[in-house]
Amino acid sequence: MKISYNWLKEYVNFYLSPQELADKLTNVGLVVADIQPVEDDFCLDV
């Protein structure tokens, strides 16, 4: 499941960097396998 970092921020207010967000999701069981920059956004592969 690929998600947009900026898209996600539209629905929940948080101040985590893409890497910090990936670490948090991984710790609760949603492993983030990859983070790729896409223009002014980031794509997280969950």
ModelCIF file with pLDDT and N, C-alpha, C, O atoms, coordinates in Angstrom:
data_MODEL
#
_entry.id   MODEL 
#
_entity.id                         1 
_entity.type                       polymer 
_entity.pdbx_number_of_molecules   1 
#
_entity_poly.entity_id                      1 
_entity_poly.type                           'polypeptide(L)' 
_entity_poly.nstd_linkage                   no 
_entity_poly.nstd_monomer                   no 
_entity_poly.pdbx_seq_one_letter_code       MKISYNWLKEYVNFYLSPQELADKLTNVGLVVADIQPVEDDFCLDV 
_entity_poly.pdbx_seq_one_letter_code_can   MKISYNWLKEYVNFYLSPQELADKLTNVGLVVADIQPVEDDFCLDV 
_entity_poly.pdbx_strand_id                 A 
#
loop_
_entity_poly_seq.entity_id 
_entity_poly_seq.num 
_entity_poly_seq.mon_id 
_entity_poly_seq.hetero 
1 1  MET n 
1 2  LYS n 
1 3  ILE n 
1 4  SER n 
1 5  TYR n 
1 6  ASN n 
1 7  TRP n 
1 8  LEU n 
1 9  LYS n 
1 10 GLU n 
1 11 TYR n 
1 12 VAL n 
1 13 ASN n 
1 14 PHE n 
1 15 TYR n 
1 16 LEU n 
1 17 SER n 
1 18 PRO n 
1 19 GLN n 
1 20 GLU n 
1 21 LEU n 
1 22 ALA n 
1 23 ASP n 
1 24 LYS n 
1 25 LEU n 
1 26 THR n 
1 27 ASN n 
1 28 VAL n 
1 29 GLY n 
1 30 LEU n 
1 31 VAL n 
1 32 VAL n 
1 33 ALA n 
1 34 ASP n 
1 35 ILE n 
1 36 GLN n 
1 37 PRO n 
1 38 VAL n 
1 39 GLU n 
1 40 ASP n 
1 41 ASP n 
1 42 PHE n 
1 43 CYS n 
1 44 LEU n 
1 45 ASP n 
1 46 VAL n 
#
_struct_asym.id          A 
_struct_asym.entity_id   1 
#
loop_
_ma_qa_metric.id 
_ma_qa_metric.mode 
_ma_qa_metric.name 
_ma_qa_metric.software_group_id 
_ma_qa_metric.type 
1 global pLDDT . pLDDT 
2 local  pLDDT . pLDDT 
#
_ma_qa_metric_global.metric_id      1 
_ma_qa_metric_global.metric_value   93.87 
_ma_qa_metric_global.model_id       1 
_ma_qa_metric_global.ordinal_id     1 
#
loop_
_ma_qa_metric_local.label_asym_id 
_ma_qa_metric_local.label_comp_id 
_ma_qa_metric_local.label_seq_id 
_ma_qa_metric_local.metric_id 
_ma_qa_metric_local.metric_value 
_ma_qa_metric_local.model_id 
_ma_qa_metric_local.ordinal_id 
A MET 1  2 91.00 1 1  
A LYS 2  2 94.00 1 2  
A ILE 3  2 94.00 1 3  
A SER 4  2 95.00 1 4  
A TYR 5  2 95.00 1 5  
A ASN 6  2 95.00 1 6  
A TRP 7  2 95.00 1 7  
A LEU 8  2 95.00 1 8  
A LYS 9  2 94.00 1 9  
A GLU 10 2 94.00 1 10 
A TYR 11 2 95.00 1 11 
A VAL 12 2 94.00 1 12 
A ASN 13 2 92.00 1 13 
A PHE 14 2 91.00 1 14 
A TYR 15 2 91.00 1 15 
A LEU 16 2 93.00 1 16 
A SER 17 2 94.00 1 17 
A PRO 18 2 94.00 1 18 
A GLN 19 2 95.00 1 19 
A GLU 20 2 95.00 1 20 
A LEU 21 2 95.00 1 21 
A ALA 22 2 95.00 1 22 
A ASP 23 2 94.00 1 23 
A LYS 24 2 93.00 1 24 
A LEU 25 2 95.00 1 25 
A THR 26 2 94.00 1 26 
A ASN 27 2 92.00 1 27 
A VAL 28 2 91.00 1 28 
A GLY 29 2 91.00 1 29 
A LEU 30 2 93.00 1 30 
A VAL 31 2 94.00 1 31 
A VAL 32 2 95.00 1 32 
A ALA 33 2 94.00 1 33 
A ASP 34 2 94.00 1 34 
A ILE 35 2 95.00 1 35 
A GLN 36 2 94.00 1 36 
A PRO 37 2 94.00 1 37 
A VAL 38 2 94.00 1 38 
A GLU 39 2 92.00 1 39 
A ASP 40 2 92.00 1 40 
A ASP 41 2 94.00 1 41 
A PHE 42 2 96.00 1 42 
A CYS 43 2 95.00 1 43 
A LEU 44 2 95.00 1 44 
A ASP 45 2 96.00 1 45 
A VAL 46 2 95.00 1 46 
#
loop_
_atom_site.group_PDB 
_atom_site.id 
_atom_site.type_symbol 
_atom_site.label_atom_id 
_atom_site.label_alt_id 
_atom_site.label_comp_id 
_atom_site.label_asym_id 
_atom_site.label_entity_id 
_atom_site.label_seq_id 
_atom_site.pdbx_PDB_ins_code 
_atom_site.Cartn_x 
_atom_site.Cartn_y 
_atom_site.Cartn_z 
_atom_site.occupancy 
_atom_site.B_iso_or_equiv 
_atom_site.pdbx_formal_charge 
_atom_site.auth_seq_id 
_atom_site.auth_comp_id 
_atom_site.auth_asym_id 
_atom_site.auth_atom_id 
_atom_site.pdbx_PDB_model_num 
ATOM 1   N N  . MET A 1 1  ? 0.853  -1.187 0.000  1.00 91.00 ? 1  MET A N  1 
ATOM 2   C CA . MET A 1 1  ? 0.000  0.000  0.000  1.00 91.00 ? 1  MET A CA 1 
ATOM 3   C C  . MET A 1 1  ? 0.887  1.235  0.000  1.00 91.00 ? 1  MET A C  1 
ATOM 4   O O  . MET A 1 1  ? 1.594  1.493  0.975  1.00 91.00 ? 1  MET A O  1 
ATOM 5   N N  . LYS A 1 2  ? 0.856  1.999  -1.086 1.00 94.00 ? 2  LYS A N  1 
ATOM 6   C CA . LYS A 1 2  ? 1.656  3.204  -1.179 1.00 94.00 ? 2  LYS A CA 1 
ATOM 7   C C  . LYS A 1 2  ? 0.804  4.411  -0.782 1.00 94.00 ? 2  LYS A C  1 
ATOM 8   O O  . LYS A 1 2  ? -0.330 4.562  -1.235 1.00 94.00 ? 2  LYS A O  1 
ATOM 9   N N  . ILE A 1 3  ? 1.368  5.262  0.069  1.00 94.00 ? 3  ILE A N  1 
ATOM 10  C CA . ILE A 1 3  ? 0.639  6.438  0.516  1.00 94.00 ? 3  ILE A CA 1 
ATOM 11  C C  . ILE A 1 3  ? 1.498  7.684  0.335  1.00 94.00 ? 3  ILE A C  1 
ATOM 12  O O  . ILE A 1 3  ? 2.728  7.626  0.359  1.00 94.00 ? 3  ILE A O  1 
ATOM 13  N N  . SER A 1 4  ? 0.821  8.800  0.154  1.00 95.00 ? 4  SER A N  1 
ATOM 14  C CA . SER A 1 4  ? 1.490  10.091 0.037  1.00 95.00 ? 4  SER A CA 1 
ATOM 15  C C  . SER A 1 4  ? 1.598  10.734 1.410  1.00 95.00 ? 4  SER A C  1 
ATOM 16  O O  . SER A 1 4  ? 0.621  10.806 2.156  1.00 95.00 ? 4  SER A O  1 
ATOM 17  N N  . TYR A 1 5  ? 2.794  11.197 1.733  1.00 95.00 ? 5  TYR A N  1 
ATOM 18  C CA . TYR A 1 5  ? 3.044  11.857 3.023  1.00 95.00 ? 5  TYR A CA 1 
ATOM 19  C C  . TYR A 1 5  ? 2.181  13.107 3.166  1.00 95.00 ? 5  TYR A C  1 
ATOM 20  O O  . TYR A 1 5  ? 1.561  13.313 4.209  1.00 95.00 ? 5  TYR A O  1 
ATOM 21  N N  . ASN A 1 6  ? 2.136  13.941 2.133  1.00 95.00 ? 6  ASN A N  1 
ATOM 22  C CA . ASN A 1 6  ? 1.341  15.176 2.193  1.00 95.00 ? 6  ASN A CA 1 
ATOM 23  C C  . ASN A 1 6  ? -0.156 14.878 2.250  1.00 95.00 ? 6  ASN A C  1 
ATOM 24  O O  . ASN A 1 6  ? -0.908 15.568 2.939  1.00 95.00 ? 6  ASN A O  1 
ATOM 25  N N  . TRP A 1 7  ? -0.578 13.852 1.523  1.00 95.00 ? 7  TRP A N  1 
ATOM 26  C CA . TRP A 1 7  ? -1.988 13.453 1.516  1.00 95.00 ? 7  TRP A CA 1 
ATOM 27  C C  . TRP A 1 7  ? -2.414 13.029 2.916  1.00 95.00 ? 7  TRP A C  1 
ATOM 28  O O  . TRP A 1 7  ? -3.490 13.399 3.385  1.00 95.00 ? 7  TRP A O  1 
ATOM 29  N N  . LEU A 1 8  ? -1.574 12.260 3.570  1.00 95.00 ? 8  LEU A N  1 
ATOM 30  C CA . LEU A 1 8  ? -1.864 11.772 4.922  1.00 95.00 ? 8  LEU A CA 1 
ATOM 31  C C  . LEU A 1 8  ? -2.028 12.934 5.910  1.00 95.00 ? 8  LEU A C  1 
ATOM 32  O O  . LEU A 1 8  ? -2.874 12.886 6.802  1.00 95.00 ? 8  LEU A O  1 
ATOM 33  N N  . LYS A 1 9  ? -1.220 13.960 5.742  1.00 94.00 ? 9  LYS A N  1 
ATOM 34  C CA . LYS A 1 9  ? -1.265 15.096 6.670  1.00 94.00 ? 9  LYS A CA 1 
ATOM 35  C C  . LYS A 1 9  ? -2.565 15.888 6.550  1.00 94.00 ? 9  LYS A C  1 
ATOM 36  O O  . LYS A 1 9  ? -2.881 16.696 7.423  1.00 94.00 ? 9  LYS A O  1 
ATOM 37  N N  . GLU A 1 10 ? -3.321 15.661 5.472  1.00 94.00 ? 10 GLU A N  1 
ATOM 38  C CA . GLU A 1 10 ? -4.598 16.345 5.324  1.00 94.00 ? 10 GLU A CA 1 
ATOM 39  C C  . GLU A 1 10 ? -5.630 15.831 6.325  1.00 94.00 ? 10 GLU A C  1 
ATOM 40  O O  . GLU A 1 10 ? -6.566 16.549 6.676  1.00 94.00 ? 10 GLU A O  1 
ATOM 41  N N  . TYR A 1 11 ? -5.465 14.591 6.786  1.00 95.00 ? 11 TYR A N  1 
ATOM 42  C CA . TYR A 1 11 ? -6.480 13.969 7.646  1.00 95.00 ? 11 TYR A CA 1 
ATOM 43  C C  . TYR A 1 11 ? -6.073 13.878 9.115  1.00 95.00 ? 11 TYR A C  1 
ATOM 44  O O  . TYR A 1 11 ? -6.917 13.651 9.981  1.00 95.00 ? 11 TYR A O  1 
ATOM 45  N N  . VAL A 1 12 ? -4.792 14.051 9.394  1.00 94.00 ? 12 VAL A N  1 
ATOM 46  C CA . VAL A 1 12 ? -4.364 14.015 10.799 1.00 94.00 ? 12 VAL A CA 1 
ATOM 47  C C  . VAL A 1 12 ? -3.196 14.989 10.967 1.00 94.00 ? 12 VAL A C  1 
ATOM 48  O O  . VAL A 1 12 ? -2.289 15.040 10.137 1.00 94.00 ? 12 VAL A O  1 
ATOM 49  N N  . ASN A 1 13 ? -3.237 15.748 12.037 1.00 92.00 ? 13 ASN A N  1 
ATOM 50  C CA . ASN A 1 13 ? -2.228 16.771 12.289 1.00 92.00 ? 13 ASN A CA 1 
ATOM 51  C C  . ASN A 1 13 ? -1.057 16.160 13.060 1.00 92.00 ? 13 ASN A C  1 
ATOM 52  O O  . ASN A 1 13 ? -1.211 15.765 14.215 1.00 92.00 ? 13 ASN A O  1 
ATOM 53  N N  . PHE A 1 14 ? 0.114  16.084 12.420 1.00 91.00 ? 14 PHE A N  1 
ATOM 54  C CA . PHE A 1 14 ? 1.297  15.556 13.098 1.00 91.00 ? 14 PHE A CA 1 
ATOM 55  C C  . PHE A 1 14 ? 2.534  16.309 12.605 1.00 91.00 ? 14 PHE A C  1 
ATOM 56  O O  . PHE A 1 14 ? 2.512  16.952 11.556 1.00 91.00 ? 14 PHE A O  1 
ATOM 57  N N  . TYR A 1 15 ? 3.608  16.214 13.385 1.00 91.00 ? 15 TYR A N  1 
ATOM 58  C CA . TYR A 1 15 ? 4.840  16.943 13.072 1.00 91.00 ? 15 TYR A CA 1 
ATOM 59  C C  . TYR A 1 15 ? 6.020  15.986 12.977 1.00 91.00 ? 15 TYR A C  1 
ATOM 60  O O  . TYR A 1 15 ? 7.126  16.300 13.416 1.00 91.00 ? 15 TYR A O  1 
ATOM 61  N N  . LEU A 1 16 ? 5.776  14.829 12.406 1.00 93.00 ? 16 LEU A N  1 
ATOM 62  C CA . LEU A 1 16 ? 6.822  13.834 12.227 1.00 93.00 ? 16 LEU A CA 1 
ATOM 63  C C  . LEU A 1 16 ? 7.404  13.946 10.829 1.00 93.00 ? 16 LEU A C  1 
ATOM 64  O O  . LEU A 1 16 ? 6.680  14.201 9.866  1.00 93.00 ? 16 LEU A O  1 
ATOM 65  N N  . SER A 1 17 ? 8.696  13.757 10.718 1.00 94.00 ? 17 SER A N  1 
ATOM 66  C CA . SER A 1 17 ? 9.323  13.691 9.404  1.00 94.00 ? 17 SER A CA 1 
ATOM 67  C C  . SER A 1 17 ? 8.920  12.372 8.748  1.00 94.00 ? 17 SER A C  1 
ATOM 68  O O  . SER A 1 17 ? 8.438  11.474 9.438  1.00 94.00 ? 17 SER A O  1 
ATOM 69  N N  . PRO A 1 18 ? 9.105  12.232 7.434  1.00 94.00 ? 18 PRO A N  1 
ATOM 70  C CA . PRO A 1 18 ? 8.772  10.953 6.791  1.00 94.00 ? 18 PRO A CA 1 
ATOM 71  C C  . PRO A 1 18 ? 9.447  9.759  7.455  1.00 94.00 ? 18 PRO A C  1 
ATOM 72  O O  . PRO A 1 18 ? 8.820  8.712  7.617  1.00 94.00 ? 18 PRO A O  1 
ATOM 73  N N  . GLN A 1 19 ? 10.714 9.897  7.841  1.00 95.00 ? 19 GLN A N  1 
ATOM 74  C CA . GLN A 1 19 ? 11.416 8.784  8.483  1.00 95.00 ? 19 GLN A CA 1 
ATOM 75  C C  . GLN A 1 19 ? 10.857 8.508  9.879  1.00 95.00 ? 19 GLN A C  1 
ATOM 76  O O  . GLN A 1 19 ? 10.697 7.351  10.266 1.00 95.00 ? 19 GLN A O  1 
ATOM 77  N N  . GLU A 1 20 ? 10.561 9.567  10.634 1.00 95.00 ? 20 GLU A N  1 
ATOM 78  C CA . GLU A 1 20 ? 9.970  9.383  11.962 1.00 95.00 ? 20 GLU A CA 1 
ATOM 79  C C  . GLU A 1 20 ? 8.592  8.739  11.857 1.00 95.00 ? 20 GLU A C  1 
ATOM 80  O O  . GLU A 1 20 ? 8.236  7.879  12.662 1.00 95.00 ? 20 GLU A O  1 
ATOM 81  N N  . LEU A 1 21 ? 7.820  9.164  10.857 1.00 95.00 ? 21 LEU A N  1 
ATOM 82  C CA . LEU A 1 21 ? 6.508  8.560  10.632 1.00 95.00 ? 21 LEU A CA 1 
ATOM 83  C C  . LEU A 1 21 ? 6.648  7.086  10.297 1.00 95.00 ? 21 LEU A C  1 
ATOM 84  O O  . LEU A 1 21 ? 5.896  6.256  10.809 1.00 95.00 ? 21 LEU A O  1 
ATOM 85  N N  . ALA A 1 22 ? 7.603  6.755  9.443  1.00 95.00 ? 22 ALA A N  1 
ATOM 86  C CA . ALA A 1 22 ? 7.839  5.358  9.073  1.00 95.00 ? 22 ALA A CA 1 
ATOM 87  C C  . ALA A 1 22 ? 8.198  4.516  10.293 1.00 95.00 ? 22 ALA A C  1 
ATOM 88  O O  . ALA A 1 22 ? 7.738  3.382  10.428 1.00 95.00 ? 22 ALA A O  1 
ATOM 89  N N  . ASP A 1 23 ? 9.020  5.073  11.177 1.00 94.00 ? 23 ASP A N  1 
ATOM 90  C CA . ASP A 1 23 ? 9.421  4.346  12.385 1.00 94.00 ? 23 ASP A CA 1 
ATOM 91  C C  . ASP A 1 23 ? 8.219  4.116  13.299 1.00 94.00 ? 23 ASP A C  1 
ATOM 92  O O  . ASP A 1 23 ? 8.066  3.033  13.862 1.00 94.00 ? 23 ASP A O  1 
ATOM 93  N N  . LYS A 1 24 ? 7.373  5.126  13.447 1.00 93.00 ? 24 LYS A N  1 
ATOM 94  C CA . LYS A 1 24 ? 6.187  5.001  14.301 1.00 93.00 ? 24 LYS A CA 1 
ATOM 95  C C  . LYS A 1 24 ? 5.233  3.940  13.758 1.00 93.00 ? 24 LYS A C  1 
ATOM 96  O O  . LYS A 1 24 ? 4.727  3.107  14.510 1.00 93.00 ? 24 LYS A O  1 
ATOM 97  N N  . LEU A 1 25 ? 4.992  3.978  12.449 1.00 95.00 ? 25 LEU A N  1 
ATOM 98  C CA . LEU A 1 25 ? 4.088  2.992  11.842 1.00 95.00 ? 25 LEU A CA 1 
ATOM 99  C C  . LEU A 1 25 ? 4.655  1.583  11.965 1.00 95.00 ? 25 LEU A C  1 
ATOM 100 O O  . LEU A 1 25 ? 3.924  0.633  12.247 1.00 95.00 ? 25 LEU A O  1 
ATOM 101 N N  . THR A 1 26 ? 5.957  1.455  11.750 1.00 94.00 ? 26 THR A N  1 
ATOM 102 C CA . THR A 1 26 ? 6.592  0.136  11.864 1.00 94.00 ? 26 THR A CA 1 
ATOM 103 C C  . THR A 1 26 ? 6.459  -0.414 13.277 1.00 94.00 ? 26 THR A C  1 
ATOM 104 O O  . THR A 1 26 ? 6.251  -1.614 13.455 1.00 94.00 ? 26 THR A O  1 
ATOM 105 N N  . ASN A 1 27 ? 6.575  0.441  14.274 1.00 92.00 ? 27 ASN A N  1 
ATOM 106 C CA . ASN A 1 27 ? 6.492  0.007  15.670 1.00 92.00 ? 27 ASN A CA 1 
ATOM 107 C C  . ASN A 1 27 ? 5.105  -0.477 16.058 1.00 92.00 ? 27 ASN A C  1 
ATOM 108 O O  . ASN A 1 27 ? 4.968  -1.251 17.005 1.00 92.00 ? 27 ASN A O  1 
ATOM 109 N N  . VAL A 1 28 ? 4.070  -0.034 15.343 1.00 91.00 ? 28 VAL A N  1 
ATOM 110 C CA . VAL A 1 28 ? 2.714  -0.481 15.678 1.00 91.00 ? 28 VAL A CA 1 
ATOM 111 C C  . VAL A 1 28 ? 2.228  -1.582 14.723 1.00 91.00 ? 28 VAL A C  1 
ATOM 112 O O  . VAL A 1 28 ? 1.045  -1.922 14.712 1.00 91.00 ? 28 VAL A O  1 
ATOM 113 N N  . GLY A 1 29 ? 3.150  -2.136 13.924 1.00 91.00 ? 29 GLY A N  1 
ATOM 114 C CA . GLY A 1 29 ? 2.796  -3.293 13.101 1.00 91.00 ? 29 GLY A CA 1 
ATOM 115 C C  . GLY A 1 29 ? 2.584  -3.021 11.632 1.00 91.00 ? 29 GLY A C  1 
ATOM 116 O O  . GLY A 1 29 ? 2.344  -3.959 10.872 1.00 91.00 ? 29 GLY A O  1 
ATOM 117 N N  . LEU A 1 30 ? 2.665  -1.749 11.192 1.00 93.00 ? 30 LEU A N  1 
ATOM 118 C CA . LEU A 1 30 ? 2.540  -1.407 9.777  1.00 93.00 ? 30 LEU A CA 1 
ATOM 119 C C  . LEU A 1 30 ? 3.934  -1.069 9.248  1.00 93.00 ? 30 LEU A C  1 
ATOM 120 O O  . LEU A 1 30 ? 4.353  0.088  9.246  1.00 93.00 ? 30 LEU A O  1 
ATOM 121 N N  . VAL A 1 31 ? 4.632  -2.100 8.804  1.00 94.00 ? 31 VAL A N  1 
ATOM 122 C CA . VAL A 1 31 ? 6.033  -1.947 8.419  1.00 94.00 ? 31 VAL A CA 1 
ATOM 123 C C  . VAL A 1 31 ? 6.144  -1.086 7.154  1.00 94.00 ? 31 VAL A C  1 
ATOM 124 O O  . VAL A 1 31 ? 5.517  -1.382 6.137  1.00 94.00 ? 31 VAL A O  1 
ATOM 125 N N  . VAL A 1 32 ? 6.934  -0.038 7.228  1.00 95.00 ? 32 VAL A N  1 
ATOM 126 C CA . VAL A 1 32 ? 7.202  0.808  6.067  1.00 95.00 ? 32 VAL A CA 1 
ATOM 127 C C  . VAL A 1 32 ? 8.470  0.293  5.406  1.00 95.00 ? 32 VAL A C  1 
ATOM 128 O O  . VAL A 1 32 ? 9.567  0.433  5.948  1.00 95.00 ? 32 VAL A O  1 
ATOM 129 N N  . ALA A 1 33 ? 8.308  -0.305 4.227  1.00 94.00 ? 33 ALA A N  1 
ATOM 130 C CA . ALA A 1 33 ? 9.428  -0.963 3.556  1.00 94.00 ? 33 ALA A CA 1 
ATOM 131 C C  . ALA A 1 33 ? 10.328 0.015  2.824  1.00 94.00 ? 33 ALA A C  1 
ATOM 132 O O  . ALA A 1 33 ? 11.515 -0.248 2.633  1.00 94.00 ? 33 ALA A O  1 
ATOM 133 N N  . ASP A 1 34 ? 9.755  1.161  2.407  1.00 94.00 ? 34 ASP A N  1 
ATOM 134 C CA . ASP A 1 34 ? 10.555 2.077  1.588  1.00 94.00 ? 34 ASP A CA 1 
ATOM 135 C C  . ASP A 1 34 ? 9.972  3.485  1.653  1.00 94.00 ? 34 ASP A C  1 
ATOM 136 O O  . ASP A 1 34 ? 8.766  3.663  1.824  1.00 94.00 ? 34 ASP A O  1 
ATOM 137 N N  . ILE A 1 35 ? 10.844 4.481  1.514  1.00 95.00 ? 35 ILE A N  1 
ATOM 138 C CA . ILE A 1 35 ? 10.442 5.884  1.425  1.00 95.00 ? 35 ILE A CA 1 
ATOM 139 C C  . ILE A 1 35 ? 11.128 6.480  0.209  1.00 95.00 ? 35 ILE A C  1 
ATOM 140 O O  . ILE A 1 35 ? 12.352 6.427  0.092  1.00 95.00 ? 35 ILE A O  1 
ATOM 141 N N  . GLN A 1 36 ? 10.336 7.050  -0.701 1.00 94.00 ? 36 GLN A N  1 
ATOM 142 C CA . GLN A 1 36 ? 10.892 7.641  -1.904 1.00 94.00 ? 36 GLN A CA 1 
ATOM 143 C C  . GLN A 1 36 ? 10.408 9.077  -2.065 1.00 94.00 ? 36 GLN A C  1 
ATOM 144 O O  . GLN A 1 36 ? 9.207  9.330  -1.976 1.00 94.00 ? 36 GLN A O  1 
ATOM 145 N N  . PRO A 1 37 ? 11.321 10.029 -2.301 1.00 94.00 ? 37 PRO A N  1 
ATOM 146 C CA . PRO A 1 37 ? 10.886 11.404 -2.577 1.00 94.00 ? 37 PRO A CA 1 
ATOM 147 C C  . PRO A 1 37 ? 10.252 11.495 -3.958 1.00 94.00 ? 37 PRO A C  1 
ATOM 148 O O  . PRO A 1 37 ? 10.782 10.950 -4.927 1.00 94.00 ? 37 PRO A O  1 
ATOM 149 N N  . VAL A 1 38 ? 9.110  12.189 -4.048 1.00 94.00 ? 38 VAL A N  1 
ATOM 150 C CA . VAL A 1 38 ? 8.416  12.397 -5.317 1.00 94.00 ? 38 VAL A CA 1 
ATOM 151 C C  . VAL A 1 38 ? 8.066  13.887 -5.410 1.00 94.00 ? 38 VAL A C  1 
ATOM 152 O O  . VAL A 1 38 ? 7.111  14.348 -4.786 1.00 94.00 ? 38 VAL A O  1 
ATOM 153 N N  . GLU A 1 39 ? 8.848  14.629 -6.195 1.00 92.00 ? 39 GLU A N  1 
ATOM 154 C CA . GLU A 1 39 ? 8.703  16.074 -6.302 1.00 92.00 ? 39 GLU A CA 1 
ATOM 155 C C  . GLU A 1 39 ? 8.735  16.701 -4.907 1.00 92.00 ? 39 GLU A C  1 
ATOM 156 O O  . GLU A 1 39 ? 9.738  16.567 -4.205 1.00 92.00 ? 39 GLU A O  1 
ATOM 157 N N  . ASP A 1 40 ? 7.653  17.388 -4.484 1.00 92.00 ? 40 ASP A N  1 
ATOM 158 C CA . ASP A 1 40 ? 7.642  18.009 -3.157 1.00 92.00 ? 40 ASP A CA 1 
ATOM 159 C C  . ASP A 1 40 ? 6.952  17.130 -2.115 1.00 92.00 ? 40 ASP A C  1 
ATOM 160 O O  . ASP A 1 40 ? 6.500  17.625 -1.083 1.00 92.00 ? 40 ASP A O  1 
ATOM 161 N N  . ASP A 1 41 ? 6.872  15.841 -2.385 1.00 94.00 ? 41 ASP A N  1 
ATOM 162 C CA . ASP A 1 41 ? 6.161  14.893 -1.521 1.00 94.00 ? 41 ASP A CA 1 
ATOM 163 C C  . ASP A 1 41 ? 7.052  13.680 -1.268 1.00 94.00 ? 41 ASP A C  1 
ATOM 164 O O  . ASP A 1 41 ? 8.169  13.596 -1.777 1.00 94.00 ? 41 ASP A O  1 
ATOM 165 N N  . PHE A 1 42 ? 6.536  12.741 -0.471 1.00 96.00 ? 42 PHE A N  1 
ATOM 166 C CA . PHE A 1 42 ? 7.224  11.473 -0.221 1.00 96.00 ? 42 PHE A CA 1 
ATOM 167 C C  . PHE A 1 42 ? 6.220  10.339 -0.364 1.00 96.00 ? 42 PHE A C  1 
ATOM 168 O O  . PHE A 1 42 ? 5.073  10.453 0.069  1.00 96.00 ? 42 PHE A O  1 
ATOM 169 N N  . CYS A 1 43 ? 6.659  9.250  -0.971 1.00 95.00 ? 43 CYS A N  1 
ATOM 170 C CA . CYS A 1 43 ? 5.824  8.056  -1.105 1.00 95.00 ? 43 CYS A CA 1 
ATOM 171 C C  . CYS A 1 43 ? 6.309  7.007  -0.119 1.00 95.00 ? 43 CYS A C  1 
ATOM 172 O O  . CYS A 1 43 ? 7.463  6.583  -0.170 1.00 95.00 ? 43 CYS A O  1 
ATOM 173 N N  . LEU A 1 44 ? 5.424  6.590  0.777  1.00 95.00 ? 44 LEU A N  1 
ATOM 174 C CA . LEU A 1 44 ? 5.749  5.556  1.759  1.00 95.00 ? 44 LEU A CA 1 
ATOM 175 C C  . LEU A 1 44 ? 5.108  4.248  1.340  1.00 95.00 ? 44 LEU A C  1 
ATOM 176 O O  . LEU A 1 44 ? 3.900  4.190  1.109  1.00 95.00 ? 44 LEU A O  1 
ATOM 177 N N  . ASP A 1 45 ? 5.908  3.204  1.240  1.00 96.00 ? 45 ASP A N  1 
ATOM 178 C CA . ASP A 1 45 ? 5.411  1.881  0.871  1.00 96.00 ? 45 ASP A CA 1 
ATOM 179 C C  . ASP A 1 45 ? 5.163  1.086  2.152  1.00 96.00 ? 45 ASP A C  1 
ATOM 180 O O  . ASP A 1 45 ? 6.102  0.610  2.790  1.00 96.00 ? 45 ASP A O  1 
ATOM 181 N N  . VAL A 1 46 ? 3.887  0.948  2.518  1.00 95.00 ? 46 VAL A N  1 
ATOM 182 C CA . VAL A 1 46 ? 3.510  0.305  3.785  1.00 95.00 ? 46 VAL A CA 1 
ATOM 183 C C  . VAL A 1 46 ? 3.084  -1.134 3.528  1.00 95.00 ? 46 VAL A C  1 
ATOM 184 O O  . VAL A 1 46 ? 2.729  -1.849 4.464  1.00 95.00 ? 46 VAL A O  1 
#
